[in-house]
Amino acid sequence: MHVSSRQRGVSLIEVMVAVLIFSIGILGLALLQAKGAQFTKESGSRTAAIIQARSLADAMRANPAGARPADGSDSLYLYDGNTAFTQADCETTDLSTPAKIADRDLACWVLSVSRAIPAPPSGVKLATVTKDASLGTLTVTVAWNGVADVGGTSDQSYSFSYLP
């Protein structure tokens, strides 16, 4: 068999082009896998934040006298995000008043939030409970440092309004 000189090396070029296209496809799949892992972690953080915010609302439901005192004063569950709690605060057994129950609930909640989600960036509070005077609701906010850059920032937060 005689092969013309013009056909020499054509199959090698075809193989090289096929390898290049295959390599680009594999790199795309690797990037897809990495992004999928990021978004899975972000979803886990969001889920944990939602569970934590709602768990405090459940604690408020169990202590209605602390969530909405009968004398009309502010809720005992208000939290500015600055108070540091210890495990001993969470393990207290003195639950004789709604205020002590609220203190224990807040301590356990803040410690649980700090263990469950990534810490937020500096200058952002991990958790707060504020009062909306116009609606009479308490807003529970949990913030974390997300892994996915959404809208030019990785700061993430979840807020939940609760009417005591």
N, C-alpha and C. Protein backbone atom coordinates (compact mmCIF):
# COMPACT_ATOMS: atom_id res chain seq x y z
N MET A 1 0.83 -1.17 0.00
CA MET A 1 0.00 0.00 0.00
C MET A 1 0.88 1.23 0.00
N HIS A 2 0.46 2.13 -0.80
CA HIS A 2 1.22 3.36 -0.92
C HIS A 2 0.36 4.50 -0.38
N VAL A 3 0.89 5.25 0.61
CA VAL A 3 0.18 6.38 1.21
C VAL A 3 0.76 7.64 0.62
N SER A 4 -0.11 8.49 0.19
CA SER A 4 0.36 9.72 -0.41
C SER A 4 1.00 10.59 0.66
N SER A 5 1.96 11.39 0.33
CA SER A 5 2.68 12.22 1.29
C SER A 5 1.80 13.30 1.91
N ARG A 6 0.73 13.66 1.23
CA ARG A 6 -0.16 14.69 1.77
C ARG A 6 -0.96 14.16 2.96
N GLN A 7 -1.17 12.88 3.09
CA GLN A 7 -1.98 12.30 4.15
C GLN A 7 -1.17 11.97 5.40
N ARG A 8 0.12 12.09 5.34
CA ARG A 8 0.96 11.71 6.44
C ARG A 8 0.75 12.65 7.64
N GLY A 9 0.52 12.12 8.88
CA GLY A 9 0.38 12.92 10.09
C GLY A 9 -1.03 13.41 10.39
N VAL A 10 -1.97 13.15 9.51
CA VAL A 10 -3.34 13.64 9.72
C VAL A 10 -3.97 12.95 10.94
N SER A 11 -3.80 11.68 11.12
CA SER A 11 -4.41 10.98 12.26
C SER A 11 -3.81 11.47 13.58
N LEU A 12 -2.53 11.83 13.60
CA LEU A 12 -1.92 12.37 14.81
C LEU A 12 -2.55 13.71 15.20
N ILE A 13 -2.83 14.57 14.23
CA ILE A 13 -3.48 15.86 14.50
C ILE A 13 -4.90 15.62 15.00
N GLU A 14 -5.60 14.67 14.42
CA GLU A 14 -6.95 14.36 14.89
C GLU A 14 -6.95 13.88 16.34
N VAL A 15 -5.98 13.06 16.70
CA VAL A 15 -5.87 12.57 18.08
C VAL A 15 -5.57 13.73 19.02
N MET A 16 -4.68 14.62 18.63
CA MET A 16 -4.32 15.76 19.49
C MET A 16 -5.52 16.68 19.70
N VAL A 17 -6.31 16.93 18.66
CA VAL A 17 -7.51 17.76 18.79
C VAL A 17 -8.52 17.07 19.71
N ALA A 18 -8.68 15.76 19.56
CA ALA A 18 -9.61 15.01 20.41
C ALA A 18 -9.17 15.07 21.87
N VAL A 19 -7.87 14.94 22.13
CA VAL A 19 -7.35 15.02 23.50
C VAL A 19 -7.58 16.41 24.07
N LEU A 20 -7.38 17.45 23.27
CA LEU A 20 -7.62 18.82 23.73
C LEU A 20 -9.09 19.03 24.11
N ILE A 21 -9.99 18.59 23.26
CA ILE A 21 -11.42 18.74 23.54
C ILE A 21 -11.81 17.94 24.78
N PHE A 22 -11.30 16.73 24.89
CA PHE A 22 -11.57 15.89 26.06
C PHE A 22 -11.04 16.55 27.34
N SER A 23 -9.86 17.14 27.28
CA SER A 23 -9.26 17.80 28.44
C SER A 23 -10.10 19.00 28.90
N ILE A 24 -10.59 19.77 27.96
CA ILE A 24 -11.44 20.91 28.30
C ILE A 24 -12.72 20.42 28.97
N GLY A 25 -13.27 19.34 28.47
CA GLY A 25 -14.47 18.76 29.08
C GLY A 25 -14.22 18.28 30.50
N ILE A 26 -13.10 17.63 30.74
CA ILE A 26 -12.75 17.15 32.08
C ILE A 26 -12.53 18.32 33.03
N LEU A 27 -11.86 19.38 32.57
CA LEU A 27 -11.68 20.56 33.41
C LEU A 27 -13.02 21.19 33.77
N GLY A 28 -13.96 21.21 32.82
CA GLY A 28 -15.30 21.72 33.10
C GLY A 28 -16.01 20.90 34.16
N LEU A 29 -15.89 19.59 34.07
CA LEU A 29 -16.49 18.72 35.08
C LEU A 29 -15.86 18.92 36.46
N ALA A 30 -14.55 19.13 36.50
CA ALA A 30 -13.87 19.36 37.78
C ALA A 30 -14.34 20.68 38.40
N LEU A 31 -14.50 21.72 37.58
CA LEU A 31 -15.00 23.00 38.08
C LEU A 31 -16.44 22.85 38.58
N LEU A 32 -17.24 22.11 37.84
CA LEU A 32 -18.62 21.86 38.25
C LEU A 32 -18.66 21.14 39.60
N GLN A 33 -17.80 20.18 39.79
CA GLN A 33 -17.73 19.45 41.06
C GLN A 33 -17.33 20.37 42.20
N ALA A 34 -16.33 21.22 41.98
CA ALA A 34 -15.88 22.15 43.03
C ALA A 34 -16.98 23.14 43.39
N LYS A 35 -17.65 23.70 42.40
CA LYS A 35 -18.75 24.64 42.69
C LYS A 35 -19.90 23.93 43.40
N GLY A 36 -20.19 22.71 43.01
CA GLY A 36 -21.23 21.94 43.67
C GLY A 36 -20.92 21.72 45.14
N ALA A 37 -19.66 21.44 45.46
CA ALA A 37 -19.26 21.26 46.86
C ALA A 37 -19.40 22.56 47.63
N GLN A 38 -19.05 23.69 47.00
CA GLN A 38 -19.21 25.00 47.66
C GLN A 38 -20.67 25.27 47.98
N PHE A 39 -21.53 25.07 47.01
CA PHE A 39 -22.94 25.37 47.22
C PHE A 39 -23.58 24.40 48.20
N THR A 40 -23.09 23.17 48.26
CA THR A 40 -23.59 22.22 49.26
C THR A 40 -23.22 22.69 50.66
N LYS A 41 -22.00 23.17 50.83
CA LYS A 41 -21.58 23.68 52.14
C LYS A 41 -22.39 24.92 52.51
N GLU A 42 -22.62 25.80 51.55
CA GLU A 42 -23.41 27.01 51.79
C GLU A 42 -24.84 26.64 52.19
N SER A 43 -25.40 25.65 51.53
CA SER A 43 -26.74 25.19 51.85
C SER A 43 -26.80 24.62 53.27
N GLY A 44 -25.77 23.90 53.66
CA GLY A 44 -25.70 23.36 55.03
C GLY A 44 -25.65 24.47 56.06
N SER A 45 -24.89 25.52 55.78
CA SER A 45 -24.81 26.66 56.71
C SER A 45 -26.15 27.37 56.81
N ARG A 46 -26.82 27.56 55.68
CA ARG A 46 -28.12 28.22 55.68
C ARG A 46 -29.15 27.38 56.45
N THR A 47 -29.14 26.09 56.24
CA THR A 47 -30.06 25.21 56.95
C THR A 47 -29.81 25.26 58.46
N ALA A 48 -28.55 25.23 58.86
CA ALA A 48 -28.22 25.31 60.28
C ALA A 48 -28.67 26.65 60.87
N ALA A 49 -28.51 27.74 60.13
CA ALA A 49 -28.93 29.05 60.61
C ALA A 49 -30.45 29.10 60.80
N ILE A 50 -31.18 28.54 59.85
CA ILE A 50 -32.64 28.51 59.95
C ILE A 50 -33.08 27.69 61.15
N ILE A 51 -32.48 26.54 61.33
CA ILE A 51 -32.82 25.68 62.47
C ILE A 51 -32.52 26.40 63.78
N GLN A 52 -31.37 27.09 63.85
CA GLN A 52 -31.00 27.79 65.09
C GLN A 52 -31.96 28.94 65.39
N ALA A 53 -32.30 29.71 64.37
CA ALA A 53 -33.21 30.85 64.59
C ALA A 53 -34.57 30.35 65.08
N ARG A 54 -35.05 29.30 64.48
CA ARG A 54 -36.36 28.78 64.86
C ARG A 54 -36.31 28.09 66.22
N SER A 55 -35.16 27.55 66.59
CA SER A 55 -35.06 26.91 67.91
C SER A 55 -35.21 27.95 69.02
N LEU A 56 -34.68 29.16 68.79
CA LEU A 56 -34.87 30.21 69.81
C LEU A 56 -36.34 30.61 69.89
N ALA A 57 -37.02 30.65 68.77
CA ALA A 57 -38.45 30.95 68.79
C ALA A 57 -39.21 29.89 69.57
N ASP A 58 -38.81 28.63 69.46
CA ASP A 58 -39.43 27.57 70.24
C ASP A 58 -39.18 27.77 71.73
N ALA A 59 -37.97 28.20 72.07
CA ALA A 59 -37.67 28.48 73.49
C ALA A 59 -38.53 29.63 73.99
N MET A 60 -38.76 30.64 73.15
CA MET A 60 -39.62 31.77 73.54
C MET A 60 -41.06 31.30 73.75
N ARG A 61 -41.51 30.39 72.90
CA ARG A 61 -42.87 29.85 73.07
C ARG A 61 -43.01 29.12 74.40
N ALA A 62 -41.94 28.46 74.81
CA ALA A 62 -41.97 27.72 76.07
C ALA A 62 -41.88 28.64 77.29
N ASN A 63 -41.47 29.88 77.09
CA ASN A 63 -41.34 30.85 78.18
C ASN A 63 -42.07 32.14 77.79
N PRO A 64 -43.39 32.11 77.66
CA PRO A 64 -44.10 33.30 77.19
C PRO A 64 -43.96 34.50 78.13
N ALA A 65 -43.79 34.25 79.42
CA ALA A 65 -43.62 35.36 80.36
C ALA A 65 -42.28 36.06 80.14
N GLY A 66 -41.31 35.37 79.60
CA GLY A 66 -40.03 35.99 79.30
C GLY A 66 -40.02 36.66 77.93
N ALA A 67 -40.75 36.08 76.99
CA ALA A 67 -40.81 36.65 75.64
C ALA A 67 -41.62 37.94 75.61
N ARG A 68 -42.70 37.96 76.37
CA ARG A 68 -43.56 39.15 76.43
C ARG A 68 -44.02 39.32 77.88
N PRO A 69 -43.22 40.02 78.68
CA PRO A 69 -43.57 40.19 80.09
C PRO A 69 -44.94 40.86 80.26
N ALA A 70 -45.65 40.42 81.30
CA ALA A 70 -47.01 40.93 81.55
C ALA A 70 -47.02 42.41 81.92
N ASP A 71 -45.91 42.91 82.46
CA ASP A 71 -45.88 44.32 82.86
C ASP A 71 -45.63 45.27 81.68
N GLY A 72 -45.50 44.73 80.47
CA GLY A 72 -45.32 45.57 79.29
C GLY A 72 -43.88 45.96 79.01
N SER A 73 -42.95 45.49 79.81
CA SER A 73 -41.54 45.82 79.57
C SER A 73 -41.02 45.03 78.37
N ASP A 74 -39.80 45.36 77.94
CA ASP A 74 -39.21 44.69 76.77
C ASP A 74 -39.00 43.20 77.04
N SER A 75 -38.96 42.46 75.97
CA SER A 75 -38.74 41.03 76.05
C SER A 75 -37.39 40.74 76.72
N LEU A 76 -37.36 39.67 77.47
CA LEU A 76 -36.12 39.25 78.13
C LEU A 76 -35.19 38.54 77.14
N TYR A 77 -35.67 38.30 75.94
CA TYR A 77 -34.88 37.60 74.93
C TYR A 77 -34.14 38.55 73.99
N LEU A 78 -34.23 39.85 74.21
CA LEU A 78 -33.48 40.78 73.36
C LEU A 78 -31.99 40.54 73.54
N TYR A 79 -31.26 40.51 72.44
CA TYR A 79 -29.83 40.22 72.49
C TYR A 79 -29.13 41.05 71.42
N ASP A 80 -28.15 41.85 71.85
CA ASP A 80 -27.46 42.76 70.94
C ASP A 80 -26.26 42.13 70.24
N GLY A 81 -25.93 40.90 70.57
CA GLY A 81 -24.82 40.22 69.94
C GLY A 81 -23.48 40.47 70.59
N ASN A 82 -23.45 41.26 71.65
CA ASN A 82 -22.18 41.60 72.28
C ASN A 82 -21.87 40.75 73.51
N THR A 83 -22.87 40.24 74.18
CA THR A 83 -22.65 39.47 75.39
C THR A 83 -22.04 38.12 75.06
N ALA A 84 -20.97 37.77 75.75
CA ALA A 84 -20.34 36.47 75.57
C ALA A 84 -20.87 35.53 76.64
N PHE A 85 -21.23 34.35 76.24
CA PHE A 85 -21.75 33.35 77.18
C PHE A 85 -20.76 32.21 77.31
N THR A 86 -20.81 31.52 78.44
CA THR A 86 -19.96 30.36 78.67
C THR A 86 -20.84 29.12 78.77
N GLN A 87 -20.21 27.98 78.75
CA GLN A 87 -20.95 26.73 78.90
C GLN A 87 -21.63 26.67 80.26
N ALA A 88 -21.03 27.27 81.27
CA ALA A 88 -21.63 27.30 82.61
C ALA A 88 -22.96 28.07 82.59
N ASP A 89 -23.03 29.14 81.78
CA ASP A 89 -24.29 29.89 81.67
C ASP A 89 -25.39 29.00 81.09
N CYS A 90 -25.01 28.12 80.20
CA CYS A 90 -25.97 27.23 79.56
C CYS A 90 -26.39 26.09 80.49
N GLU A 91 -25.52 25.72 81.39
CA GLU A 91 -25.79 24.58 82.27
C GLU A 91 -26.42 24.96 83.60
N THR A 92 -26.80 26.22 83.77
CA THR A 92 -27.40 26.64 85.03
C THR A 92 -28.69 25.86 85.29
N THR A 93 -28.92 25.57 86.54
CA THR A 93 -30.13 24.84 86.92
C THR A 93 -31.13 25.72 87.66
N ASP A 94 -30.77 26.98 87.88
CA ASP A 94 -31.68 27.92 88.55
C ASP A 94 -32.63 28.50 87.51
N LEU A 95 -33.81 27.95 87.43
CA LEU A 95 -34.80 28.38 86.46
C LEU A 95 -36.06 28.86 87.19
N SER A 96 -35.83 29.62 88.25
CA SER A 96 -36.93 30.02 89.13
C SER A 96 -37.75 31.19 88.59
N THR A 97 -37.22 31.96 87.66
CA THR A 97 -37.95 33.10 87.12
C THR A 97 -37.87 33.09 85.59
N PRO A 98 -38.81 33.76 84.93
CA PRO A 98 -38.73 33.85 83.47
C PRO A 98 -37.42 34.49 82.99
N ALA A 99 -36.88 35.43 83.76
CA ALA A 99 -35.62 36.08 83.37
C ALA A 99 -34.46 35.09 83.38
N LYS A 100 -34.42 34.22 84.38
CA LYS A 100 -33.34 33.23 84.45
C LYS A 100 -33.49 32.19 83.35
N ILE A 101 -34.72 31.85 83.03
CA ILE A 101 -34.96 30.91 81.93
C ILE A 101 -34.51 31.54 80.61
N ALA A 102 -34.86 32.81 80.40
CA ALA A 102 -34.46 33.51 79.17
C ALA A 102 -32.94 33.62 79.07
N ASP A 103 -32.28 33.91 80.18
CA ASP A 103 -30.81 34.00 80.17
C ASP A 103 -30.19 32.66 79.78
N ARG A 104 -30.71 31.59 80.38
CA ARG A 104 -30.19 30.26 80.05
C ARG A 104 -30.48 29.91 78.58
N ASP A 105 -31.69 30.21 78.12
CA ASP A 105 -32.03 29.93 76.72
C ASP A 105 -31.12 30.69 75.76
N LEU A 106 -30.87 31.97 76.04
CA LEU A 106 -29.98 32.77 75.18
C LEU A 106 -28.56 32.22 75.19
N ALA A 107 -28.07 31.85 76.38
CA ALA A 107 -26.71 31.33 76.48
C ALA A 107 -26.56 30.05 75.67
N CYS A 108 -27.49 29.13 75.84
CA CYS A 108 -27.43 27.87 75.09
C CYS A 108 -27.57 28.12 73.59
N TRP A 109 -28.44 29.05 73.23
CA TRP A 109 -28.66 29.34 71.82
C TRP A 109 -27.42 29.94 71.16
N VAL A 110 -26.82 30.94 71.81
CA VAL A 110 -25.63 31.58 71.22
C VAL A 110 -24.49 30.57 71.09
N LEU A 111 -24.29 29.74 72.11
CA LEU A 111 -23.24 28.73 72.03
C LEU A 111 -23.54 27.73 70.91
N SER A 112 -24.79 27.35 70.77
CA SER A 112 -25.17 26.40 69.72
C SER A 112 -24.97 27.01 68.33
N VAL A 113 -25.34 28.27 68.17
CA VAL A 113 -25.16 28.94 66.88
C VAL A 113 -23.67 29.02 66.54
N SER A 114 -22.85 29.35 67.52
CA SER A 114 -21.42 29.49 67.25
C SER A 114 -20.77 28.16 66.87
N ARG A 115 -21.35 27.05 67.32
CA ARG A 115 -20.82 25.74 66.94
C ARG A 115 -21.37 25.26 65.61
N ALA A 116 -22.58 25.69 65.25
CA ALA A 116 -23.26 25.13 64.09
C ALA A 116 -22.91 25.78 62.76
N ILE A 117 -22.53 27.05 62.77
CA ILE A 117 -22.29 27.73 61.49
C ILE A 117 -20.94 28.45 61.52
N PRO A 118 -20.37 28.71 60.34
CA PRO A 118 -19.10 29.44 60.28
C PRO A 118 -19.26 30.86 60.83
N ALA A 119 -18.26 31.31 61.54
CA ALA A 119 -18.29 32.66 62.12
C ALA A 119 -18.40 33.70 61.02
N PRO A 120 -19.16 34.76 61.28
CA PRO A 120 -19.30 35.81 60.26
C PRO A 120 -18.01 36.62 60.15
N PRO A 121 -17.88 37.42 59.10
CA PRO A 121 -16.69 38.27 58.96
C PRO A 121 -16.62 39.27 60.12
N SER A 122 -15.44 39.79 60.37
CA SER A 122 -15.27 40.74 61.47
C SER A 122 -16.16 41.95 61.25
N GLY A 123 -16.73 42.43 62.34
CA GLY A 123 -17.63 43.57 62.28
C GLY A 123 -19.09 43.18 62.12
N VAL A 124 -19.36 41.91 61.84
CA VAL A 124 -20.73 41.41 61.71
C VAL A 124 -21.04 40.54 62.92
N LYS A 125 -22.17 40.78 63.53
CA LYS A 125 -22.54 40.01 64.73
C LYS A 125 -23.09 38.65 64.34
N LEU A 126 -22.69 37.65 65.09
CA LEU A 126 -23.11 36.28 64.84
C LEU A 126 -24.62 36.13 64.96
N ALA A 127 -25.18 36.67 66.03
CA ALA A 127 -26.61 36.52 66.27
C ALA A 127 -27.14 37.72 67.04
N THR A 128 -28.36 38.11 66.72
CA THR A 128 -29.03 39.19 67.44
C THR A 128 -30.51 38.88 67.55
N VAL A 129 -31.13 39.48 68.55
CA VAL A 129 -32.59 39.44 68.69
C VAL A 129 -33.00 40.88 68.94
N THR A 130 -33.75 41.45 68.02
CA THR A 130 -34.17 42.85 68.13
C THR A 130 -35.69 42.93 68.14
N LYS A 131 -36.19 44.07 68.58
CA LYS A 131 -37.63 44.27 68.65
C LYS A 131 -38.05 45.28 67.59
N ASP A 132 -39.09 44.94 66.86
CA ASP A 132 -39.71 45.87 65.93
C ASP A 132 -40.92 46.44 66.66
N ALA A 133 -40.77 47.66 67.16
CA ALA A 133 -41.81 48.27 68.00
C ALA A 133 -43.11 48.49 67.23
N SER A 134 -43.02 48.77 65.95
CA SER A 134 -44.23 49.04 65.18
C SER A 134 -45.09 47.79 65.00
N LEU A 135 -44.45 46.63 64.89
CA LEU A 135 -45.19 45.39 64.70
C LEU A 135 -45.33 44.57 65.98
N GLY A 136 -44.49 44.86 66.96
CA GLY A 136 -44.50 44.08 68.19
C GLY A 136 -43.85 42.72 68.05
N THR A 137 -43.02 42.57 67.02
CA THR A 137 -42.36 41.28 66.79
C THR A 137 -40.91 41.32 67.26
N LEU A 138 -40.37 40.17 67.49
CA LEU A 138 -38.95 40.01 67.76
C LEU A 138 -38.31 39.42 66.51
N THR A 139 -37.21 39.99 66.07
CA THR A 139 -36.53 39.51 64.87
C THR A 139 -35.23 38.83 65.29
N VAL A 140 -35.15 37.56 64.99
CA VAL A 140 -33.96 36.75 65.28
C VAL A 140 -33.12 36.73 64.02
N THR A 141 -31.86 37.16 64.12
CA THR A 141 -30.96 37.20 62.96
C THR A 141 -29.72 36.40 63.27
N VAL A 142 -29.34 35.55 62.33
CA VAL A 142 -28.12 34.76 62.43
C VAL A 142 -27.29 35.06 61.18
N ALA A 143 -26.01 35.35 61.36
CA ALA A 143 -25.13 35.69 60.23
C ALA A 143 -23.93 34.75 60.21
N TRP A 144 -23.40 34.53 59.02
CA TRP A 144 -22.23 33.69 58.86
C TRP A 144 -21.45 34.13 57.64
N ASN A 145 -20.24 33.64 57.54
CA ASN A 145 -19.39 33.93 56.39
C ASN A 145 -19.57 32.79 55.41
N GLY A 146 -20.27 33.06 54.34
CA GLY A 146 -20.57 32.03 53.35
C GLY A 146 -19.36 31.70 52.49
N VAL A 147 -19.43 30.57 51.85
CA VAL A 147 -18.34 30.17 50.95
C VAL A 147 -18.63 30.60 49.53
N ALA A 148 -19.88 30.87 49.22
CA ALA A 148 -20.25 31.28 47.87
C ALA A 148 -20.34 32.80 47.81
N ASP A 149 -19.68 33.37 46.84
CA ASP A 149 -19.71 34.82 46.65
C ASP A 149 -21.01 35.18 45.95
N VAL A 150 -21.95 35.75 46.70
CA VAL A 150 -23.26 36.10 46.16
C VAL A 150 -23.38 37.62 46.15
N GLY A 151 -23.50 38.20 44.98
CA GLY A 151 -23.65 39.65 44.88
C GLY A 151 -22.42 40.42 45.31
N GLY A 152 -21.23 39.85 45.12
CA GLY A 152 -20.00 40.56 45.44
C GLY A 152 -19.57 40.45 46.89
N THR A 153 -20.29 39.68 47.70
CA THR A 153 -19.92 39.51 49.10
C THR A 153 -20.23 38.09 49.54
N SER A 154 -19.49 37.61 50.52
CA SER A 154 -19.76 36.27 51.04
C SER A 154 -20.53 36.34 52.36
N ASP A 155 -20.89 37.55 52.80
CA ASP A 155 -21.69 37.70 54.02
C ASP A 155 -23.07 37.12 53.78
N GLN A 156 -23.52 36.27 54.66
CA GLN A 156 -24.83 35.67 54.56
C GLN A 156 -25.55 35.87 55.89
N SER A 157 -26.87 35.98 55.84
CA SER A 157 -27.64 36.07 57.08
C SER A 157 -29.05 35.57 56.85
N TYR A 158 -29.68 35.19 57.96
CA TYR A 158 -31.06 34.74 57.93
C TYR A 158 -31.78 35.45 59.08
N SER A 159 -32.93 36.03 58.79
CA SER A 159 -33.74 36.70 59.81
C SER A 159 -35.10 36.05 59.88
N PHE A 160 -35.60 35.95 61.09
CA PHE A 160 -36.88 35.31 61.33
C PHE A 160 -37.64 36.18 62.33
N SER A 161 -38.84 36.60 61.96
CA SER A 161 -39.66 37.43 62.86
C SER A 161 -40.62 36.54 63.63
N TYR A 162 -40.70 36.81 64.92
CA TYR A 162 -41.53 36.02 65.81
C TYR A 162 -42.43 36.96 66.60
N LEU A 163 -43.71 36.66 66.63
CA LEU A 163 -44.68 37.45 67.39
C LEU A 163 -44.97 36.72 68.70
N PRO A 164 -44.41 37.22 69.81
CA PRO A 164 -44.61 36.51 71.08
C PRO A 164 -46.04 36.68 71.58
